[in-house]
Amino acid sequence: MILDIIHKEHVNMTMLLKFLNAKLEDLRQEKDIRYDLIKDIVEYLHEYADKHHHPCEDIIYNYYLEQKKGEKVADGVHKLAEQHIKISALTEQLCSMTEMILMDAVVPQQQYIDVLAEFLEVQTNHLNYEEDHILPALRDELTDSDWQAILALLPYEGIEDVDSLKELARKSDPLFGDNVKERYQSLRDNLGA
């Protein structure tokens, strides 16, 4: 089922958020941290989540609202679409600030801590809401034929069934997939993934 792929991606994102939360606590205690790892996480979330994961979710949510009239969780689905926009903006802001720090630009520590804390809060609340409310409703209300229709709406060529979508996810995920991109290898090693 497509939702199994989304859930697995949520588990992976949660692992990254826990890692970032530990770095946030280190910053609050004025400990040194590796900003390059934060940059890698934020760039991964921007590149993979914002460009692959969230658009896939949006297709599912839009289908649900249009075909099922989404009465059970319509307000929540609209809320998630708005959150995807906010998450993308926060991701870009955090990425930009982290890059500035890595280039030895002066970024006030408290400002960075505040942005990182907001990013973590919004991301965590978003994932928890999806997992606790939206995904269960989709599991209950969407039929096999709905999932086939959703598969046809996804912007990927050659996807005929869930297995081929899972294979694509394994191949295309640059951090948690089968072929870790070199730029993410240090992060993967630090995550113990």
C-alpha atoms as a PDB file:
ATOM      1  CA  MET A   1       0.000   0.000   0.000  1.00  0.00           C
ATOM      2  CA  ILE A   2       1.189   3.511  -0.805  1.00  0.00           C
ATOM      3  CA  LEU A   3       0.611   4.544   2.808  1.00  0.00           C
ATOM      4  CA  ASP A   4       3.244   2.028   3.918  1.00  0.00           C
ATOM      5  CA  ILE A   5       5.809   3.936   1.843  1.00  0.00           C
ATOM      6  CA  ILE A   6       4.685   7.243   3.319  1.00  0.00           C
ATOM      7  CA  HIS A   7       4.816   5.802   6.839  1.00  0.00           C
ATOM      8  CA  LYS A   8       8.363   4.497   6.277  1.00  0.00           C
ATOM      9  CA  GLU A   9       9.412   7.932   5.040  1.00  0.00           C
ATOM     10  CA  HIS A  10       7.846   9.445   8.171  1.00  0.00           C
ATOM     11  CA  VAL A  11       9.875   7.048  10.323  1.00  0.00           C
ATOM     12  CA  ASN A  12      13.034   8.146   8.502  1.00  0.00           C
ATOM     13  CA  MET A  13      12.157  11.823   8.883  1.00  0.00           C
ATOM     14  CA  THR A  14      11.453  11.301  12.581  1.00  0.00           C
ATOM     15  CA  MET A  15      14.932   9.827  12.980  1.00  0.00           C
ATOM     16  CA  LEU A  16      16.377  12.968  11.383  1.00  0.00           C
ATOM     17  CA  LEU A  17      14.267  15.229  13.586  1.00  0.00           C
ATOM     18  CA  LYS A  18      15.437  13.416  16.731  1.00  0.00           C
ATOM     19  CA  PHE A  19      19.031  13.893  15.606  1.00  0.00           C
ATOM     20  CA  LEU A  20      18.359  17.606  14.995  1.00  0.00           C
ATOM     21  CA  ASN A  21      16.674  17.907  18.378  1.00  0.00           C
ATOM     22  CA  ALA A  22      19.803  16.531  20.058  1.00  0.00           C
ATOM     23  CA  LYS A  23      21.863  19.148  18.180  1.00  0.00           C
ATOM     24  CA  LEU A  24      19.417  21.841  19.292  1.00  0.00           C
ATOM     25  CA  GLU A  25      19.944  20.819  22.919  1.00  0.00           C
ATOM     26  CA  ASP A  26      23.713  20.907  22.373  1.00  0.00           C
ATOM     27  CA  LEU A  27      23.394  24.450  21.002  1.00  0.00           C
ATOM     28  CA  ARG A  28      21.303  25.520  23.983  1.00  0.00           C
ATOM     29  CA  GLN A  29      24.067  24.197  26.248  1.00  0.00           C
ATOM     30  CA  GLU A  30      26.623  26.088  24.117  1.00  0.00           C
ATOM     31  CA  LYS A  31      28.324  22.910  22.937  1.00  0.00           C
ATOM     32  CA  ASP A  32      30.032  22.680  19.571  1.00  0.00           C
ATOM     33  CA  ILE A  33      28.089  20.904  16.871  1.00  0.00           C
ATOM     34  CA  ARG A  34      28.737  19.818  13.316  1.00  0.00           C
ATOM     35  CA  TYR A  35      26.762  22.270  11.227  1.00  0.00           C
ATOM     36  CA  ASP A  36      27.606  20.273   8.121  1.00  0.00           C
ATOM     37  CA  LEU A  37      25.385  17.450   9.400  1.00  0.00           C
ATOM     38  CA  ILE A  38      22.535  19.876  10.052  1.00  0.00           C
ATOM     39  CA  LYS A  39      22.987  21.222   6.539  1.00  0.00           C
ATOM     40  CA  ASP A  40      22.867  17.698   5.126  1.00  0.00           C
ATOM     41  CA  ILE A  41      19.638  16.927   7.000  1.00  0.00           C
ATOM     42  CA  VAL A  42      17.952  20.156   5.989  1.00  0.00           C
ATOM     43  CA  GLU A  43      19.040  19.781   2.370  1.00  0.00           C
ATOM     44  CA  TYR A  44      17.835  16.186   2.337  1.00  0.00           C
ATOM     45  CA  LEU A  45      14.463  17.249   3.712  1.00  0.00           C
ATOM     46  CA  HIS A  46      14.299  20.031   1.134  1.00  0.00           C
ATOM     47  CA  GLU A  47      15.357  17.882  -1.793  1.00  0.00           C
ATOM     48  CA  TYR A  48      13.572  14.657  -0.961  1.00  0.00           C
ATOM     49  CA  ALA A  49      10.644  15.532   1.293  1.00  0.00           C
ATOM     50  CA  ASP A  50       9.647  18.823  -0.303  1.00  0.00           C
ATOM     51  CA  LYS A  51      10.133  17.604  -3.870  1.00  0.00           C
ATOM     52  CA  HIS A  52       8.999  13.960  -3.650  1.00  0.00           C
ATOM     53  CA  HIS A  53       7.297  13.078  -0.369  1.00  0.00           C
ATOM     54  CA  HIS A  54       5.018  16.093   0.101  1.00  0.00           C
ATOM     55  CA  PRO A  55       3.887  16.270  -3.549  1.00  0.00           C
ATOM     56  CA  CYS A  56       2.926  12.580  -3.360  1.00  0.00           C
ATOM     57  CA  GLU A  57       0.970  13.245  -0.177  1.00  0.00           C
ATOM     58  CA  ASP A  58      -0.706  16.248  -1.780  1.00  0.00           C
ATOM     59  CA  ILE A  59      -1.871  14.104  -4.712  1.00  0.00           C
ATOM     60  CA  ILE A  60      -3.354  11.564  -2.298  1.00  0.00           C
ATOM     61  CA  TYR A  61      -5.000  14.262  -0.183  1.00  0.00           C
ATOM     62  CA  ASN A  62      -6.457  16.065  -3.210  1.00  0.00           C
ATOM     63  CA  TYR A  63      -7.823  12.795  -4.563  1.00  0.00           C
ATOM     64  CA  TYR A  64      -9.359  12.055  -1.184  1.00  0.00           C
ATOM     65  CA  LEU A  65     -11.019  15.461  -1.019  1.00  0.00           C
ATOM     66  CA  GLU A  66     -12.306  15.320  -4.593  1.00  0.00           C
ATOM     67  CA  GLN A  67     -13.428  11.697  -4.797  1.00  0.00           C
ATOM     68  CA  LYS A  68     -14.434  10.910  -1.249  1.00  0.00           C
ATOM     69  CA  LYS A  69     -15.458  14.427  -0.355  1.00  0.00           C
ATOM     70  CA  GLY A  70     -13.064  13.999   2.565  1.00  0.00           C
ATOM     71  CA  GLU A  71     -15.687  14.757   5.179  1.00  0.00           C
ATOM     72  CA  LYS A  72     -13.953  12.820   7.940  1.00  0.00           C
ATOM     73  CA  VAL A  73     -10.683  14.751   7.855  1.00  0.00           C
ATOM     74  CA  ALA A  74     -11.193  17.516   5.267  1.00  0.00           C
ATOM     75  CA  ASP A  75     -10.136  20.311   7.623  1.00  0.00           C
ATOM     76  CA  GLY A  76      -7.042  18.358   8.593  1.00  0.00           C
ATOM     77  CA  VAL A  77      -6.094  17.744   4.968  1.00  0.00           C
ATOM     78  CA  HIS A  78      -6.382  21.461   4.197  1.00  0.00           C
ATOM     79  CA  LYS A  79      -4.284  22.192   7.288  1.00  0.00           C
ATOM     80  CA  LEU A  80      -1.586  19.777   6.073  1.00  0.00           C
ATOM     81  CA  ALA A  81      -1.411  21.411   2.641  1.00  0.00           C
ATOM     82  CA  GLU A  82      -0.836  24.769   4.347  1.00  0.00           C
ATOM     83  CA  GLN A  83       1.780  23.184   6.600  1.00  0.00           C
ATOM     84  CA  HIS A  84       3.651  21.804   3.579  1.00  0.00           C
ATOM     85  CA  ILE A  85       4.093  25.395   2.375  1.00  0.00           C
ATOM     86  CA  LYS A  86       5.240  26.583   5.821  1.00  0.00           C
ATOM     87  CA  ILE A  87       7.607  23.619   6.196  1.00  0.00           C
ATOM     88  CA  SER A  88       9.160  24.369   2.825  1.00  0.00           C
ATOM     89  CA  ALA A  89       9.738  28.018   3.788  1.00  0.00           C
ATOM     90  CA  LEU A  90      11.212  27.079   7.184  1.00  0.00           C
ATOM     91  CA  THR A  91      13.435  24.494   5.522  1.00  0.00           C
ATOM     92  CA  GLU A  92      14.794  27.098   3.116  1.00  0.00           C
ATOM     93  CA  GLN A  93      15.354  29.574   5.956  1.00  0.00           C
ATOM     94  CA  LEU A  94      17.191  27.035   8.107  1.00  0.00           C
ATOM     95  CA  CYS A  95      19.261  25.857   5.161  1.00  0.00           C
ATOM     96  CA  SER A  96      20.257  29.418   4.302  1.00  0.00           C
ATOM     97  CA  MET A  97      21.230  30.213   7.899  1.00  0.00           C
ATOM     98  CA  THR A  98      23.238  26.996   8.205  1.00  0.00           C
ATOM     99  CA  GLU A  99      25.087  27.731   4.966  1.00  0.00           C
ATOM    100  CA  MET A 100      25.926  31.206   6.270  1.00  0.00           C
ATOM    101  CA  ILE A 101      27.373  29.700   9.454  1.00  0.00           C
ATOM    102  CA  LEU A 102      29.425  27.232   7.425  1.00  0.00           C
ATOM    103  CA  MET A 103      30.821  30.178   5.427  1.00  0.00           C
ATOM    104  CA  ASP A 104      31.814  31.829   8.730  1.00  0.00           C
ATOM    105  CA  ALA A 105      29.187  34.553   8.477  1.00  0.00           C
ATOM    106  CA  VAL A 106      27.901  35.966  11.736  1.00  0.00           C
ATOM    107  CA  VAL A 107      24.497  34.533  12.609  1.00  0.00           C
ATOM    108  CA  PRO A 108      23.189  35.298  16.097  1.00  0.00           C
ATOM    109  CA  GLN A 109      23.133  32.007  17.999  1.00  0.00           C
ATOM    110  CA  GLN A 110      19.745  32.654  19.603  1.00  0.00           C
ATOM    111  CA  GLN A 111      18.193  33.487  16.247  1.00  0.00           C
ATOM    112  CA  TYR A 112      19.505  30.215  14.826  1.00  0.00           C
ATOM    113  CA  ILE A 113      18.263  28.287  17.870  1.00  0.00           C
ATOM    114  CA  ASP A 114      14.817  29.887  17.512  1.00  0.00           C
ATOM    115  CA  VAL A 115      14.536  28.990  13.817  1.00  0.00           C
ATOM    116  CA  LEU A 116      15.756  25.434  14.426  1.00  0.00           C
ATOM    117  CA  ALA A 117      13.312  25.026  17.330  1.00  0.00           C
ATOM    118  CA  GLU A 118      10.394  26.303  15.232  1.00  0.00           C
ATOM    119  CA  PHE A 119      11.404  24.035  12.352  1.00  0.00           C
ATOM    120  CA  LEU A 120      11.477  21.015  14.676  1.00  0.00           C
ATOM    121  CA  GLU A 121       8.161  21.885  16.305  1.00  0.00           C
ATOM    122  CA  VAL A 122       6.343  22.393  12.996  1.00  0.00           C
ATOM    123  CA  GLN A 123       7.840  19.268  11.410  1.00  0.00           C
ATOM    124  CA  THR A 124       7.161  17.067  14.443  1.00  0.00           C
ATOM    125  CA  ASN A 125       3.578  18.278  14.879  1.00  0.00           C
ATOM    126  CA  HIS A 126       2.979  17.808  11.160  1.00  0.00           C
ATOM    127  CA  LEU A 127       4.241  14.221  11.115  1.00  0.00           C
ATOM    128  CA  ASN A 128       2.368  13.310  14.293  1.00  0.00           C
ATOM    129  CA  TYR A 129      -0.891  14.735  12.938  1.00  0.00           C
ATOM    130  CA  GLU A 130      -0.526  12.816   9.685  1.00  0.00           C
ATOM    131  CA  GLU A 131       0.303   9.569  11.460  1.00  0.00           C
ATOM    132  CA  ASP A 132      -2.379   9.873  14.148  1.00  0.00           C
ATOM    133  CA  HIS A 133      -5.289  11.290  12.145  1.00  0.00           C
ATOM    134  CA  ILE A 134      -4.893  11.466   8.385  1.00  0.00           C
ATOM    135  CA  LEU A 135      -3.237   8.178   7.450  1.00  0.00           C
ATOM    136  CA  PRO A 136      -5.693   6.065   9.496  1.00  0.00           C
ATOM    137  CA  ALA A 137      -8.638   7.823   7.814  1.00  0.00           C
ATOM    138  CA  LEU A 138      -7.133   7.226   4.369  1.00  0.00           C
ATOM    139  CA  ARG A 139      -6.561   3.559   5.203  1.00  0.00           C
ATOM    140  CA  ASP A 140     -10.176   3.202   6.273  1.00  0.00           C
ATOM    141  CA  GLU A 141     -11.842   5.108   3.466  1.00  0.00           C
ATOM    142  CA  LEU A 142      -9.818   4.559   0.288  1.00  0.00           C
ATOM    143  CA  THR A 143     -10.416   1.341  -1.637  1.00  0.00           C
ATOM    144  CA  ASP A 144      -8.058  -0.698  -3.810  1.00  0.00           C
ATOM    145  CA  SER A 145      -9.497   0.980  -6.897  1.00  0.00           C
ATOM    146  CA  ASP A 146      -8.876   4.390  -5.292  1.00  0.00           C
ATOM    147  CA  TRP A 147      -5.236   3.458  -4.735  1.00  0.00           C
ATOM    148  CA  GLN A 148      -4.927   2.329  -8.358  1.00  0.00           C
ATOM    149  CA  ALA A 149      -6.331   5.675  -9.483  1.00  0.00           C
ATOM    150  CA  ILE A 150      -3.881   7.495  -7.198  1.00  0.00           C
ATOM    151  CA  LEU A 151      -0.974   5.474  -8.615  1.00  0.00           C
ATOM    152  CA  ALA A 152      -1.946   6.692 -12.082  1.00  0.00           C
ATOM    153  CA  LEU A 153      -1.871  10.304 -10.849  1.00  0.00           C
ATOM    154  CA  LEU A 154       1.670  10.122  -9.467  1.00  0.00           C
ATOM    155  CA  PRO A 155       4.233  11.912 -11.648  1.00  0.00           C
ATOM    156  CA  TYR A 156       6.487   8.894 -12.142  1.00  0.00           C
ATOM    157  CA  GLU A 157       6.886   6.930 -15.355  1.00  0.00           C
ATOM    158  CA  GLY A 158       6.686   3.153 -15.332  1.00  0.00           C
ATOM    159  CA  ILE A 159       4.846   2.851 -12.027  1.00  0.00           C
ATOM    160  CA  GLU A 160       2.252   0.144 -12.458  1.00  0.00           C
ATOM    161  CA  ASP A 161       1.800  -1.088  -8.907  1.00  0.00           C
ATOM    162  CA  VAL A 162       2.853  -0.472  -5.316  1.00  0.00           C
ATOM    163  CA  ASP A 163       5.870  -2.776  -5.630  1.00  0.00           C
ATOM    164  CA  SER A 164       7.302  -0.704  -8.482  1.00  0.00           C
ATOM    165  CA  LEU A 165       6.662   2.446  -6.419  1.00  0.00           C
ATOM    166  CA  LYS A 166       8.492   0.903  -3.444  1.00  0.00           C
ATOM    167  CA  GLU A 167      11.376   0.008  -5.757  1.00  0.00           C
ATOM    168  CA  LEU A 168      11.484   3.579  -7.051  1.00  0.00           C
ATOM    169  CA  ALA A 169      11.498   4.896  -3.473  1.00  0.00           C
ATOM    170  CA  ARG A 170      14.381   2.578  -2.533  1.00  0.00           C
ATOM    171  CA  LYS A 171      16.391   3.666  -5.562  1.00  0.00           C
ATOM    172  CA  SER A 172      15.643   7.383  -5.421  1.00  0.00           C
ATOM    173  CA  ASP A 173      16.047   8.104  -1.700  1.00  0.00           C
ATOM    174  CA  PRO A 174      19.576   9.574  -1.490  1.00  0.00           C
ATOM    175  CA  LEU A 175      19.968   8.939   2.259  1.00  0.00           C
ATOM    176  CA  PHE A 176      17.859   5.942   3.267  1.00  0.00           C
ATOM    177  CA  GLY A 177      17.705   4.223  -0.115  1.00  0.00           C
ATOM    178  CA  ASP A 178      19.787   1.414  -1.549  1.00  0.00           C
ATOM    179  CA  ASN A 179      22.355   3.776  -3.061  1.00  0.00           C
ATOM    180  CA  VAL A 180      23.368   6.432  -0.550  1.00  0.00           C
ATOM    181  CA  LYS A 181      24.716   9.517  -2.286  1.00  0.00           C
ATOM    182  CA  GLU A 182      28.312  10.235  -1.354  1.00  0.00           C
ATOM    183  CA  ARG A 183      27.374  13.644   0.057  1.00  0.00           C
ATOM    184  CA  TYR A 184      25.069  11.932   2.605  1.00  0.00           C
ATOM    185  CA  GLN A 185      27.405   9.114   3.641  1.00  0.00           C
ATOM    186  CA  SER A 186      28.797  10.961   6.670  1.00  0.00           C
ATOM    187  CA  LEU A 187      25.270  11.760   7.843  1.00  0.00           C
ATOM    188  CA  ARG A 188      24.155   8.167   7.371  1.00  0.00           C
ATOM    189  CA  ASP A 189      27.172   6.980   9.377  1.00  0.00           C
ATOM    190  CA  ASN A 190      26.341   9.442  12.180  1.00  0.00           C
ATOM    191  CA  LEU A 191      22.709   8.335  12.220  1.00  0.00           C
ATOM    192  CA  GLY A 192      23.695   4.704  12.475  1.00  0.00           C
ATOM    193  CA  ALA A 193      21.120   3.957   9.769  1.00  0.00           C
END
